[in-house]
């Protein structure tokens, strides 16, 4: 009797382990597929498609940035990270105020992808390694062609689908090397900002981009 019970327990544990392994493999496959689809959408400037793969936290972040585009004064913009300044000022420079005022977080993200203003780290030069999956949260890392580890990217399970959470990645990218770049170029921060912004549509910006929108 005891041997039968032990055998049944071992069989149940083996089945559970096999099922768990298969579930993990399936989750990893789904996560990698989401990343592949997202990078392809970004690479082809397909804003409406790319927004399908980001989570609600990321949408809320872009809604916050959109709010800054609409209402932030020069003092508020000066207090932003360098990457945030570029985005806020670039959108003001190239986009009619009436169009901006009609946007929400999702459409703003899509617009930024369409105009190559964000998503620059999503490209096929990197593969995605899944580090962990637990309780609907997955941590992954980008690996370059030389097998060097890069940025970590968080995924969350929302509405039965894996979505990309870009917020921590944005913070990491936003802190990368801007001060060193400014120092190396010998330009002031504002000169470098204007240089980046002008390259987006070959039109020099003016100081109006530092002011809240007027519609």
N, C-alpha and C. Protein backbone atom coordinates (compact mmCIF):
# COMPACT_ATOMS: atom_id res chain seq x y z
N UNK A 1 0.83 -1.22 0.00
CA UNK A 1 0.00 0.00 0.00
C UNK A 1 0.87 1.26 0.00
N UNK A 2 1.88 1.25 0.88
CA UNK A 2 2.75 2.43 0.98
C UNK A 2 3.54 2.63 -0.31
N UNK A 3 3.99 1.52 -0.89
CA UNK A 3 4.75 1.63 -2.15
C UNK A 3 3.90 2.18 -3.27
N UNK A 4 2.61 1.77 -3.30
CA UNK A 4 1.69 2.31 -4.31
C UNK A 4 1.46 3.80 -4.12
N UNK A 5 1.33 4.20 -2.85
CA UNK A 5 1.13 5.62 -2.54
C UNK A 5 2.35 6.44 -2.94
N UNK A 6 3.54 5.88 -2.64
CA UNK A 6 4.78 6.57 -3.00
C UNK A 6 4.90 6.69 -4.51
N UNK A 7 4.57 5.62 -5.22
CA UNK A 7 4.63 5.64 -6.68
C UNK A 7 3.68 6.67 -7.25
N UNK A 8 2.47 6.72 -6.71
CA UNK A 8 1.47 7.70 -7.17
C UNK A 8 1.95 9.12 -6.94
N UNK A 9 2.58 9.34 -5.79
CA UNK A 9 3.10 10.68 -5.46
C UNK A 9 4.21 11.08 -6.42
N UNK A 10 5.11 10.12 -6.69
CA UNK A 10 6.21 10.42 -7.62
C UNK A 10 5.70 10.72 -9.02
N UNK A 11 4.70 9.96 -9.45
CA UNK A 11 4.11 10.19 -10.77
C UNK A 11 3.46 11.57 -10.84
N UNK A 12 2.74 11.93 -9.76
CA UNK A 12 2.07 13.24 -9.72
C UNK A 12 3.09 14.37 -9.75
N UNK A 13 4.18 14.20 -8.98
CA UNK A 13 5.22 15.23 -8.94
C UNK A 13 5.91 15.36 -10.29
N UNK A 14 6.15 14.22 -10.93
CA UNK A 14 6.78 14.24 -12.25
C UNK A 14 5.91 14.95 -13.27
N UNK A 15 4.61 14.63 -13.23
CA UNK A 15 3.66 15.28 -14.15
C UNK A 15 3.60 16.78 -13.91
N UNK A 16 3.58 17.17 -12.62
CA UNK A 16 3.53 18.59 -12.26
C UNK A 16 4.77 19.31 -12.77
N UNK A 17 5.94 18.66 -12.59
CA UNK A 17 7.20 19.27 -13.05
C UNK A 17 7.21 19.42 -14.56
N UNK A 18 6.76 18.40 -15.26
CA UNK A 18 6.72 18.46 -16.72
C UNK A 18 5.79 19.55 -17.21
N UNK A 19 4.62 19.66 -16.57
CA UNK A 19 3.65 20.70 -16.94
C UNK A 19 4.24 22.07 -16.67
N UNK A 20 4.91 22.23 -15.50
CA UNK A 20 5.51 23.52 -15.15
C UNK A 20 6.58 23.91 -16.15
N UNK A 21 7.40 22.92 -16.56
CA UNK A 21 8.45 23.19 -17.54
C UNK A 21 7.85 23.62 -18.88
N UNK A 22 6.80 22.93 -19.29
CA UNK A 22 6.14 23.27 -20.55
C UNK A 22 5.52 24.67 -20.48
N UNK A 23 4.93 25.00 -19.33
CA UNK A 23 4.33 26.33 -19.15
C UNK A 23 5.40 27.42 -19.23
N UNK A 24 6.56 27.16 -18.59
CA UNK A 24 7.64 28.14 -18.63
C UNK A 24 8.15 28.34 -20.05
N UNK A 25 8.30 27.22 -20.77
CA UNK A 25 8.75 27.32 -22.16
C UNK A 25 7.76 28.10 -23.01
N UNK A 26 6.48 27.86 -22.78
CA UNK A 26 5.44 28.57 -23.53
C UNK A 26 5.46 30.06 -23.21
N UNK A 27 5.61 30.39 -21.91
CA UNK A 27 5.68 31.79 -21.51
C UNK A 27 6.88 32.49 -22.14
N UNK A 28 8.02 31.83 -22.11
CA UNK A 28 9.21 32.42 -22.71
C UNK A 28 9.05 32.64 -24.21
N UNK A 29 8.41 31.67 -24.86
CA UNK A 29 8.14 31.79 -26.29
C UNK A 29 7.23 32.98 -26.56
N UNK A 30 6.18 33.13 -25.76
CA UNK A 30 5.24 34.25 -25.93
C UNK A 30 5.93 35.59 -25.71
N UNK A 31 6.78 35.66 -24.69
CA UNK A 31 7.49 36.91 -24.38
C UNK A 31 8.40 37.30 -25.53
N UNK A 32 9.15 36.34 -26.06
CA UNK A 32 10.06 36.62 -27.17
C UNK A 32 9.30 37.02 -28.43
N UNK A 33 8.14 36.42 -28.62
CA UNK A 33 7.31 36.78 -29.78
C UNK A 33 6.81 38.21 -29.66
N UNK A 34 6.39 38.59 -28.46
CA UNK A 34 5.94 39.97 -28.23
C UNK A 34 7.07 40.95 -28.54
N UNK A 35 8.28 40.64 -28.06
CA UNK A 35 9.42 41.52 -28.31
C UNK A 35 9.74 41.60 -29.80
N UNK A 36 9.71 40.47 -30.47
CA UNK A 36 9.98 40.44 -31.91
C UNK A 36 8.96 41.30 -32.67
N UNK A 37 7.69 41.12 -32.33
CA UNK A 37 6.64 41.90 -33.01
C UNK A 37 6.78 43.39 -32.72
N UNK A 38 7.13 43.71 -31.48
CA UNK A 38 7.31 45.11 -31.09
C UNK A 38 8.47 45.74 -31.85
N UNK A 39 9.62 45.05 -31.88
CA UNK A 39 10.79 45.62 -32.55
C UNK A 39 10.55 45.79 -34.05
N UNK A 40 9.82 44.86 -34.64
CA UNK A 40 9.49 44.99 -36.06
C UNK A 40 8.58 46.19 -36.30
N UNK A 41 7.61 46.37 -35.41
CA UNK A 41 6.69 47.51 -35.54
C UNK A 41 7.44 48.83 -35.39
N UNK A 42 8.34 48.89 -34.41
CA UNK A 42 9.12 50.11 -34.19
C UNK A 42 10.04 50.36 -35.39
N UNK A 43 10.71 49.31 -35.84
CA UNK A 43 11.63 49.46 -36.96
C UNK A 43 10.96 49.95 -38.23
N UNK A 44 9.68 49.62 -38.38
CA UNK A 44 8.91 50.06 -39.55
C UNK A 44 8.04 51.28 -39.27
N UNK A 45 8.29 51.92 -38.12
CA UNK A 45 7.55 53.13 -37.72
C UNK A 45 6.04 52.92 -37.73
N UNK A 46 5.62 51.73 -37.29
CA UNK A 46 4.19 51.39 -37.25
C UNK A 46 3.66 51.67 -35.84
N UNK A 47 3.28 52.92 -35.62
CA UNK A 47 2.89 53.36 -34.30
C UNK A 47 1.67 52.66 -33.74
N UNK A 48 0.63 52.53 -34.54
CA UNK A 48 -0.62 51.93 -34.08
C UNK A 48 -0.41 50.48 -33.68
N UNK A 49 0.49 49.79 -34.37
CA UNK A 49 0.76 48.39 -34.02
C UNK A 49 1.66 48.29 -32.80
N UNK A 50 2.68 49.13 -32.72
CA UNK A 50 3.64 49.05 -31.62
C UNK A 50 2.97 49.29 -30.26
N UNK A 51 1.95 50.14 -30.23
CA UNK A 51 1.31 50.46 -28.96
C UNK A 51 0.55 49.27 -28.40
N UNK A 52 0.25 48.28 -29.22
CA UNK A 52 -0.44 47.08 -28.75
C UNK A 52 0.43 46.26 -27.80
N UNK A 53 1.74 46.46 -27.86
CA UNK A 53 2.65 45.61 -27.10
C UNK A 53 3.18 46.26 -25.82
N UNK A 54 2.77 47.47 -25.51
CA UNK A 54 3.23 48.11 -24.28
C UNK A 54 2.14 48.06 -23.21
N UNK A 55 2.56 48.07 -21.95
CA UNK A 55 1.61 47.92 -20.85
C UNK A 55 1.01 49.26 -20.44
N UNK A 56 0.05 49.19 -19.53
CA UNK A 56 -0.68 50.40 -19.11
C UNK A 56 0.23 51.38 -18.39
N UNK A 57 1.23 50.88 -17.67
CA UNK A 57 2.17 51.77 -16.97
C UNK A 57 2.96 52.61 -17.97
N UNK A 58 3.37 51.98 -19.06
CA UNK A 58 4.09 52.71 -20.11
C UNK A 58 3.18 53.73 -20.79
N UNK A 59 1.95 53.35 -21.04
CA UNK A 59 0.98 54.29 -21.62
C UNK A 59 0.80 55.50 -20.70
N UNK A 60 0.71 55.24 -19.39
CA UNK A 60 0.56 56.33 -18.43
C UNK A 60 1.78 57.25 -18.41
N UNK A 61 2.95 56.66 -18.59
CA UNK A 61 4.16 57.48 -18.65
C UNK A 61 4.10 58.43 -19.84
N UNK A 62 3.70 57.92 -20.99
CA UNK A 62 3.63 58.78 -22.18
C UNK A 62 2.48 59.79 -22.07
N UNK A 63 1.45 59.44 -21.33
CA UNK A 63 0.40 60.43 -21.06
C UNK A 63 0.96 61.56 -20.20
N UNK A 64 1.83 61.20 -19.26
CA UNK A 64 2.50 62.21 -18.42
C UNK A 64 3.38 63.13 -19.27
N UNK A 65 4.17 62.54 -20.17
CA UNK A 65 5.02 63.35 -21.04
C UNK A 65 4.17 64.24 -21.94
N UNK A 66 3.07 63.70 -22.43
CA UNK A 66 2.15 64.49 -23.26
C UNK A 66 1.62 65.68 -22.47
N UNK A 67 1.31 65.47 -21.20
CA UNK A 67 0.86 66.57 -20.36
C UNK A 67 1.92 67.66 -20.25
N UNK A 68 3.18 67.25 -20.18
CA UNK A 68 4.27 68.23 -20.13
C UNK A 68 4.36 68.99 -21.45
N UNK A 69 4.21 68.27 -22.55
CA UNK A 69 4.23 68.92 -23.87
C UNK A 69 3.18 70.02 -23.93
N UNK A 70 2.01 69.74 -23.38
CA UNK A 70 0.91 70.69 -23.45
C UNK A 70 1.06 71.87 -22.49
N UNK A 71 1.53 71.62 -21.27
CA UNK A 71 1.40 72.64 -20.23
C UNK A 71 2.69 73.09 -19.56
N UNK A 72 3.80 72.36 -19.71
CA UNK A 72 5.00 72.68 -18.93
C UNK A 72 5.61 74.00 -19.37
N UNK A 73 5.96 74.84 -18.39
CA UNK A 73 6.66 76.09 -18.70
C UNK A 73 8.16 75.81 -18.78
N UNK A 74 8.94 76.83 -19.07
CA UNK A 74 10.37 76.65 -19.30
C UNK A 74 11.09 76.11 -18.06
N UNK A 75 10.67 76.56 -16.88
CA UNK A 75 11.29 76.11 -15.64
C UNK A 75 11.05 74.62 -15.43
N UNK A 76 9.83 74.18 -15.71
CA UNK A 76 9.50 72.76 -15.57
C UNK A 76 10.28 71.91 -16.57
N UNK A 77 10.40 72.39 -17.80
CA UNK A 77 11.14 71.64 -18.82
C UNK A 77 12.61 71.54 -18.45
N UNK A 78 13.17 72.62 -17.90
CA UNK A 78 14.58 72.63 -17.50
C UNK A 78 14.86 71.55 -16.46
N UNK A 79 13.86 71.22 -15.65
CA UNK A 79 14.05 70.24 -14.60
C UNK A 79 13.93 68.79 -15.04
N UNK A 80 13.64 68.56 -16.31
CA UNK A 80 13.48 67.20 -16.82
C UNK A 80 14.83 66.56 -17.14
N UNK A 81 14.82 65.21 -17.27
CA UNK A 81 16.00 64.53 -17.78
C UNK A 81 16.25 64.98 -19.22
N UNK A 82 17.47 64.82 -19.67
CA UNK A 82 17.83 65.30 -21.00
C UNK A 82 17.00 64.62 -22.08
N UNK A 83 16.78 63.30 -21.96
CA UNK A 83 15.99 62.60 -22.96
C UNK A 83 14.54 63.07 -22.96
N UNK A 84 14.02 63.42 -21.79
CA UNK A 84 12.65 63.94 -21.71
C UNK A 84 12.55 65.34 -22.33
N UNK A 85 13.58 66.14 -22.11
CA UNK A 85 13.60 67.48 -22.72
C UNK A 85 13.55 67.36 -24.25
N UNK A 86 14.38 66.45 -24.79
CA UNK A 86 14.41 66.28 -26.25
C UNK A 86 13.02 65.93 -26.77
N UNK A 87 12.35 65.02 -26.09
CA UNK A 87 11.04 64.58 -26.55
C UNK A 87 10.01 65.69 -26.46
N UNK A 88 9.94 66.34 -25.31
CA UNK A 88 8.96 67.43 -25.12
C UNK A 88 9.18 68.55 -26.14
N UNK A 89 10.42 68.99 -26.26
CA UNK A 89 10.71 70.12 -27.15
C UNK A 89 10.59 69.75 -28.62
N UNK A 90 10.95 68.51 -28.96
CA UNK A 90 10.84 68.06 -30.35
C UNK A 90 9.39 68.01 -30.80
N UNK A 91 8.54 67.46 -29.95
CA UNK A 91 7.12 67.38 -30.30
C UNK A 91 6.54 68.78 -30.49
N UNK A 92 6.89 69.69 -29.60
CA UNK A 92 6.41 71.07 -29.75
C UNK A 92 6.92 71.70 -31.05
N UNK A 93 8.13 71.33 -31.43
CA UNK A 93 8.74 71.95 -32.60
C UNK A 93 8.11 71.49 -33.91
N UNK A 94 7.78 70.20 -34.01
CA UNK A 94 7.36 69.68 -35.32
C UNK A 94 5.85 69.43 -35.44
N UNK A 95 5.11 69.56 -34.33
CA UNK A 95 3.71 69.15 -34.35
C UNK A 95 2.78 70.33 -34.08
N UNK A 96 1.76 70.52 -34.90
CA UNK A 96 0.79 71.60 -34.63
C UNK A 96 0.13 71.42 -33.26
N UNK A 97 -0.05 72.53 -32.58
CA UNK A 97 -0.65 72.48 -31.24
C UNK A 97 -2.02 71.85 -31.26
N UNK A 98 -2.80 72.13 -32.29
CA UNK A 98 -4.16 71.57 -32.37
C UNK A 98 -4.14 70.05 -32.42
N UNK A 99 -3.12 69.48 -33.07
CA UNK A 99 -2.99 68.02 -33.15
C UNK A 99 -2.57 67.44 -31.81
N UNK A 100 -1.63 68.09 -31.16
CA UNK A 100 -1.16 67.63 -29.85
C UNK A 100 -2.31 67.58 -28.85
N UNK A 101 -3.16 68.60 -28.86
CA UNK A 101 -4.23 68.70 -27.88
C UNK A 101 -5.27 67.59 -28.04
N UNK A 102 -5.29 66.93 -29.18
CA UNK A 102 -6.24 65.85 -29.42
C UNK A 102 -5.70 64.48 -29.00
N UNK A 103 -4.43 64.42 -28.62
CA UNK A 103 -3.79 63.13 -28.33
C UNK A 103 -4.06 62.68 -26.90
N UNK A 104 -3.94 61.34 -26.70
CA UNK A 104 -3.89 60.75 -25.37
C UNK A 104 -2.61 59.94 -25.28
N UNK A 105 -2.41 59.23 -24.18
CA UNK A 105 -1.16 58.50 -23.99
C UNK A 105 -0.87 57.50 -25.08
N UNK A 106 -1.88 56.75 -25.52
CA UNK A 106 -1.68 55.74 -26.54
C UNK A 106 -1.37 56.35 -27.91
N UNK A 107 -2.16 57.33 -28.30
CA UNK A 107 -1.94 57.94 -29.62
C UNK A 107 -0.64 58.75 -29.64
N UNK A 108 -0.25 59.29 -28.49
CA UNK A 108 1.01 60.02 -28.40
C UNK A 108 2.19 59.07 -28.59
N UNK A 109 2.14 57.91 -27.94
CA UNK A 109 3.21 56.93 -28.12
C UNK A 109 3.28 56.50 -29.59
N UNK A 110 2.14 56.22 -30.17
CA UNK A 110 2.11 55.82 -31.59
C UNK A 110 2.70 56.90 -32.46
N UNK A 111 2.38 58.16 -32.18
CA UNK A 111 2.90 59.29 -32.95
C UNK A 111 4.42 59.37 -32.82
N UNK A 112 4.93 59.17 -31.62
CA UNK A 112 6.37 59.22 -31.40
C UNK A 112 7.09 58.11 -32.17
N UNK A 113 6.49 56.93 -32.21
CA UNK A 113 7.08 55.83 -32.98
C UNK A 113 7.07 56.17 -34.47
N UNK A 114 5.96 56.70 -34.96
CA UNK A 114 5.84 57.04 -36.37
C UNK A 114 6.87 58.08 -36.80
N UNK A 115 7.23 58.95 -35.87
CA UNK A 115 8.17 60.03 -36.18
C UNK A 115 9.57 59.79 -35.63
N UNK A 116 9.85 58.53 -35.26
CA UNK A 116 11.19 58.11 -34.82
C UNK A 116 11.68 58.92 -33.62
N UNK A 117 10.75 59.25 -32.72
CA UNK A 117 11.12 60.01 -31.53
C UNK A 117 11.36 59.13 -30.30
N UNK A 118 10.98 57.87 -30.38
CA UNK A 118 11.21 56.95 -29.27
C UNK A 118 11.31 55.54 -29.82
N UNK A 119 11.66 54.60 -28.94
CA UNK A 119 11.77 53.20 -29.37
C UNK A 119 13.07 52.88 -30.04
N UNK A 120 14.07 53.77 -29.92
CA UNK A 120 15.33 53.58 -30.62
C UNK A 120 16.12 52.37 -30.18
N UNK A 121 15.85 51.85 -28.95
CA UNK A 121 16.59 50.69 -28.47
C UNK A 121 15.95 49.37 -28.89
N UNK A 122 14.84 49.46 -29.60
CA UNK A 122 14.18 48.24 -30.08
C UNK A 122 14.65 47.96 -31.50
N UNK A 123 15.64 47.12 -31.64
CA UNK A 123 16.11 46.78 -32.98
C UNK A 123 16.61 45.35 -33.00
N UNK A 124 16.82 44.84 -34.21
CA UNK A 124 17.15 43.43 -34.35
C UNK A 124 18.63 43.13 -34.13
N UNK A 125 19.40 44.11 -33.65
CA UNK A 125 20.80 43.85 -33.31
C UNK A 125 20.90 43.09 -31.98
N UNK A 126 19.82 43.05 -31.25
CA UNK A 126 19.82 42.41 -29.94
C UNK A 126 18.86 41.22 -29.92
N UNK A 127 19.25 40.18 -29.22
CA UNK A 127 18.34 39.09 -28.92
C UNK A 127 17.84 39.28 -27.49
N UNK A 128 16.78 38.59 -27.15
CA UNK A 128 16.18 38.74 -25.83
C UNK A 128 16.34 37.46 -25.03
N UNK A 129 16.92 37.58 -23.85
CA UNK A 129 17.07 36.45 -22.94
C UNK A 129 16.11 36.62 -21.78
N UNK A 130 15.30 35.62 -21.51
CA UNK A 130 14.36 35.66 -20.40
C UNK A 130 15.09 35.22 -19.13
N UNK A 131 15.17 36.12 -18.15
CA UNK A 131 15.88 35.82 -16.91
C UNK A 131 15.00 35.15 -15.87
N UNK A 132 13.76 35.63 -15.75
CA UNK A 132 12.85 35.08 -14.75
C UNK A 132 11.42 35.38 -15.13
N UNK A 133 10.53 34.50 -14.70
CA UNK A 133 9.09 34.69 -14.88
C UNK A 133 8.40 34.26 -13.59
N UNK A 134 7.67 35.19 -12.97
CA UNK A 134 7.01 34.86 -11.72
C UNK A 134 5.84 35.80 -11.48
N UNK A 135 4.70 35.22 -11.14
CA UNK A 135 3.51 35.99 -10.77
C UNK A 135 3.15 37.06 -11.80
N UNK A 136 3.22 36.70 -13.06
CA UNK A 136 2.80 37.63 -14.10
C UNK A 136 3.80 38.73 -14.41
N UNK A 137 5.03 38.57 -13.93
CA UNK A 137 6.09 39.55 -14.21
C UNK A 137 7.31 38.79 -14.74
N UNK A 138 7.86 39.26 -15.83
CA UNK A 138 9.05 38.64 -16.41
C UNK A 138 10.16 39.68 -16.54
N UNK A 139 11.36 39.27 -16.17
CA UNK A 139 12.54 40.12 -16.37
C UNK A 139 13.37 39.52 -17.50
N UNK A 140 13.74 40.36 -18.44
CA UNK A 140 14.53 39.91 -19.58
C UNK A 140 15.73 40.82 -19.76
N UNK A 141 16.64 40.42 -20.61
CA UNK A 141 17.82 41.23 -20.89
C UNK A 141 18.17 41.16 -22.36
N UNK A 142 18.54 42.29 -22.91
CA UNK A 142 18.98 42.33 -24.29
C UNK A 142 20.43 41.86 -24.39
N UNK A 143 20.71 41.04 -25.39
CA UNK A 143 22.05 40.52 -25.61
C UNK A 143 22.49 40.91 -27.01
N UNK A 144 23.65 41.55 -27.12
CA UNK A 144 24.08 41.99 -28.45
C UNK A 144 24.72 40.84 -29.23
N UNK A 145 25.14 41.12 -30.44
CA UNK A 145 25.66 40.07 -31.32
C UNK A 145 26.96 39.46 -30.81
N UNK A 146 27.64 40.16 -29.91
CA UNK A 146 28.87 39.63 -29.31
C UNK A 146 28.63 38.97 -27.96
N UNK A 147 27.35 38.71 -27.69
CA UNK A 147 26.94 38.03 -26.45
C UNK A 147 27.13 38.88 -25.20
N UNK A 148 27.24 40.20 -25.39
CA UNK A 148 27.36 41.09 -24.24
C UNK A 148 25.98 41.47 -23.73
N UNK A 149 25.76 41.40 -22.42
CA UNK A 149 24.45 41.76 -21.87
C UNK A 149 24.22 43.27 -21.93
N UNK A 150 22.98 43.65 -22.25
CA UNK A 150 22.63 45.07 -22.32
C UNK A 150 21.53 45.41 -21.35
N UNK A 151 20.60 46.22 -21.80
CA UNK A 151 19.52 46.68 -20.95
C UNK A 151 18.59 45.55 -20.52
N UNK A 152 18.05 45.70 -19.33
CA UNK A 152 17.02 44.77 -18.87
C UNK A 152 15.65 45.35 -19.21
N UNK A 153 14.76 44.49 -19.64
CA UNK A 153 13.42 44.91 -20.06
C UNK A 153 12.39 44.09 -19.27
N UNK A 154 11.44 44.79 -18.70
CA UNK A 154 10.41 44.15 -17.88
C UNK A 154 9.15 43.90 -18.72
N UNK A 155 8.54 42.73 -18.51
CA UNK A 155 7.27 42.39 -19.13
C UNK A 155 6.25 42.10 -18.03
N UNK A 156 5.01 42.46 -18.27
CA UNK A 156 3.95 42.14 -17.32
C UNK A 156 2.78 41.50 -18.06
N UNK A 157 2.03 40.71 -17.33
CA UNK A 157 0.87 40.04 -17.90
C UNK A 157 -0.35 40.93 -17.70
N UNK A 158 -0.94 41.38 -18.80
CA UNK A 158 -2.13 42.23 -18.73
C UNK A 158 -3.17 41.70 -19.73
N UNK A 159 -4.39 41.54 -19.26
CA UNK A 159 -5.48 41.09 -20.14
C UNK A 159 -5.10 39.80 -20.88
N UNK A 160 -4.47 38.88 -20.14
CA UNK A 160 -4.09 37.56 -20.68
C UNK A 160 -3.00 37.62 -21.73
N UNK A 161 -2.33 38.76 -21.85
CA UNK A 161 -1.24 38.89 -22.82
C UNK A 161 -0.01 39.50 -22.15
N UNK A 162 1.17 39.12 -22.65
CA UNK A 162 2.39 39.75 -22.17
C UNK A 162 2.57 41.11 -22.83
N UNK A 163 2.88 42.12 -21.99
CA UNK A 163 3.09 43.48 -22.48
C UNK A 163 4.45 43.98 -21.96
N UNK A 164 5.05 44.89 -22.71
CA UNK A 164 6.35 45.43 -22.36
C UNK A 164 6.19 46.66 -21.46
N UNK A 165 6.92 46.66 -20.35
CA UNK A 165 6.96 47.82 -19.47
C UNK A 165 8.27 48.56 -19.74
N UNK A 166 8.17 49.70 -20.40
CA UNK A 166 9.37 50.43 -20.82
C UNK A 166 9.86 51.43 -19.79
N UNK A 167 9.13 51.62 -18.69
CA UNK A 167 9.45 52.74 -17.80
C UNK A 167 10.83 52.62 -17.17
N UNK A 168 11.18 51.44 -16.65
CA UNK A 168 12.50 51.30 -16.03
C UNK A 168 13.60 51.41 -17.08
N UNK A 169 13.33 50.91 -18.28
CA UNK A 169 14.30 51.01 -19.37
C UNK A 169 14.52 52.47 -19.76
N UNK A 170 13.45 53.24 -19.78
CA UNK A 170 13.55 54.66 -20.13
C UNK A 170 14.39 55.42 -19.11
N UNK A 171 14.20 55.09 -17.83
CA UNK A 171 14.98 55.74 -16.78
C UNK A 171 16.46 55.42 -16.96
N UNK A 172 16.76 54.16 -17.29
CA UNK A 172 18.14 53.73 -17.48
C UNK A 172 18.77 54.44 -18.68
N UNK A 173 18.05 54.46 -19.80
CA UNK A 173 18.55 55.12 -21.01
C UNK A 173 18.70 56.62 -20.77
N UNK A 174 17.74 57.19 -20.03
CA UNK A 174 17.76 58.63 -19.77
C UNK A 174 18.96 59.08 -18.96
N UNK A 175 19.56 58.15 -18.21
CA UNK A 175 20.72 58.51 -17.41
C UNK A 175 22.05 58.20 -18.08
N UNK A 176 22.00 57.71 -19.29
CA UNK A 176 23.23 57.27 -19.97
C UNK A 176 23.98 58.43 -20.63
N UNK A 177 25.11 58.72 -20.12
CA UNK A 177 26.13 59.47 -20.84
C UNK A 177 25.83 60.83 -21.40
N UNK A 178 24.68 61.45 -21.04
CA UNK A 178 24.37 62.74 -21.65
C UNK A 178 25.35 63.83 -21.21
N UNK A 179 25.68 63.83 -19.90
CA UNK A 179 26.62 64.84 -19.39
C UNK A 179 27.98 64.68 -20.05
N UNK A 180 28.40 63.41 -20.23
CA UNK A 180 29.69 63.16 -20.87
C UNK A 180 29.66 63.61 -22.33
N UNK A 181 28.52 63.36 -23.00
CA UNK A 181 28.38 63.76 -24.40
C UNK A 181 28.46 65.28 -24.53
N UNK A 182 27.77 65.98 -23.65
CA UNK A 182 27.80 67.45 -23.66
C UNK A 182 29.22 67.96 -23.47
N UNK A 183 29.93 67.32 -22.53
CA UNK A 183 31.31 67.73 -22.24
C UNK A 183 32.22 67.47 -23.44
N UNK A 184 32.04 66.30 -24.07
CA UNK A 184 32.89 65.93 -25.20
C UNK A 184 32.68 66.83 -26.41
N UNK A 185 31.43 67.23 -26.66
CA UNK A 185 31.14 68.06 -27.83
C UNK A 185 31.58 69.51 -27.64
N UNK A 186 31.74 69.91 -26.38
CA UNK A 186 32.10 71.30 -26.12
C UNK A 186 30.95 72.26 -26.29
N UNK A 187 29.73 71.72 -26.44
CA UNK A 187 28.55 72.56 -26.59
C UNK A 187 27.82 72.69 -25.26
N UNK A 188 27.00 73.71 -25.15
CA UNK A 188 26.13 73.81 -23.98
C UNK A 188 24.99 72.81 -24.14
N UNK A 189 24.29 72.54 -23.05
CA UNK A 189 23.17 71.61 -23.13
C UNK A 189 22.12 72.11 -24.12
N UNK A 190 21.84 73.40 -24.10
CA UNK A 190 20.81 73.93 -25.00
C UNK A 190 21.25 73.83 -26.45
N UNK A 191 22.51 74.09 -26.73
CA UNK A 191 23.01 73.96 -28.10
C UNK A 191 22.87 72.52 -28.60
N UNK A 192 23.17 71.57 -27.71
CA UNK A 192 23.06 70.17 -28.10
C UNK A 192 21.60 69.77 -28.29
N UNK A 193 20.72 70.27 -27.43
CA UNK A 193 19.29 70.03 -27.59
C UNK A 193 18.81 70.53 -28.95
N UNK A 194 19.17 71.74 -29.29
CA UNK A 194 18.73 72.33 -30.55
C UNK A 194 19.29 71.56 -31.74
N UNK A 195 20.51 71.03 -31.59
CA UNK A 195 21.11 70.24 -32.67
C UNK A 195 20.31 68.96 -32.92
N UNK A 196 19.95 68.26 -31.82
CA UNK A 196 19.13 67.06 -31.94
C UNK A 196 17.78 67.37 -32.57
N UNK A 197 17.15 68.43 -32.10
CA UNK A 197 15.80 68.78 -32.55
C UNK A 197 15.81 69.18 -34.03
N UNK A 198 16.81 69.96 -34.44
CA UNK A 198 16.89 70.39 -35.84
C UNK A 198 17.05 69.21 -36.79
N UNK A 199 17.77 68.17 -36.34
CA UNK A 199 17.99 67.01 -37.20
C UNK A 199 16.70 66.24 -37.48
N UNK A 200 15.68 66.47 -36.66
CA UNK A 200 14.44 65.72 -36.84
C UNK A 200 13.64 66.19 -38.05
N UNK A 201 13.74 67.49 -38.39
CA UNK A 201 13.01 67.93 -39.59
C UNK A 201 13.73 69.05 -40.33
N UNK A 202 15.05 69.16 -40.08
CA UNK A 202 15.90 70.12 -40.81
C UNK A 202 15.45 71.56 -40.65
N UNK A 203 14.75 71.84 -39.57
CA UNK A 203 14.31 73.21 -39.30
C UNK A 203 14.81 73.65 -37.93
N UNK A 204 15.57 74.74 -37.86
CA UNK A 204 16.07 75.18 -36.55
C UNK A 204 14.92 75.56 -35.63
N UNK A 205 14.96 75.13 -34.37
CA UNK A 205 13.91 75.52 -33.42
C UNK A 205 14.14 76.94 -32.92
N UNK A 206 13.08 77.51 -32.36
CA UNK A 206 13.23 78.81 -31.71
C UNK A 206 12.80 78.69 -30.25
N UNK A 207 12.90 79.75 -29.52
CA UNK A 207 12.65 79.68 -28.08
C UNK A 207 11.19 79.48 -27.72
N UNK A 208 10.30 79.53 -28.69
CA UNK A 208 8.88 79.28 -28.42
C UNK A 208 8.63 77.86 -27.91
N UNK A 209 9.54 76.95 -28.25
CA UNK A 209 9.33 75.55 -27.82
C UNK A 209 9.45 75.39 -26.32
N UNK A 210 9.95 76.41 -25.61
CA UNK A 210 10.08 76.31 -24.15
C UNK A 210 8.81 76.72 -23.43
N UNK A 211 7.83 77.19 -24.19
CA UNK A 211 6.61 77.71 -23.58
C UNK A 211 5.44 76.75 -23.73
N UNK A 212 4.47 76.77 -22.82
CA UNK A 212 3.28 75.93 -22.95
C UNK A 212 2.56 76.21 -24.25
N UNK A 213 1.78 75.24 -24.70
CA UNK A 213 1.07 75.39 -25.96
C UNK A 213 -0.03 76.44 -25.85
N UNK A 214 -0.24 77.12 -26.96
CA UNK A 214 -1.35 78.06 -27.06
C UNK A 214 -2.20 77.61 -28.25
N UNK A 215 -3.46 77.34 -27.98
CA UNK A 215 -4.34 76.87 -29.07
C UNK A 215 -5.47 77.89 -29.29
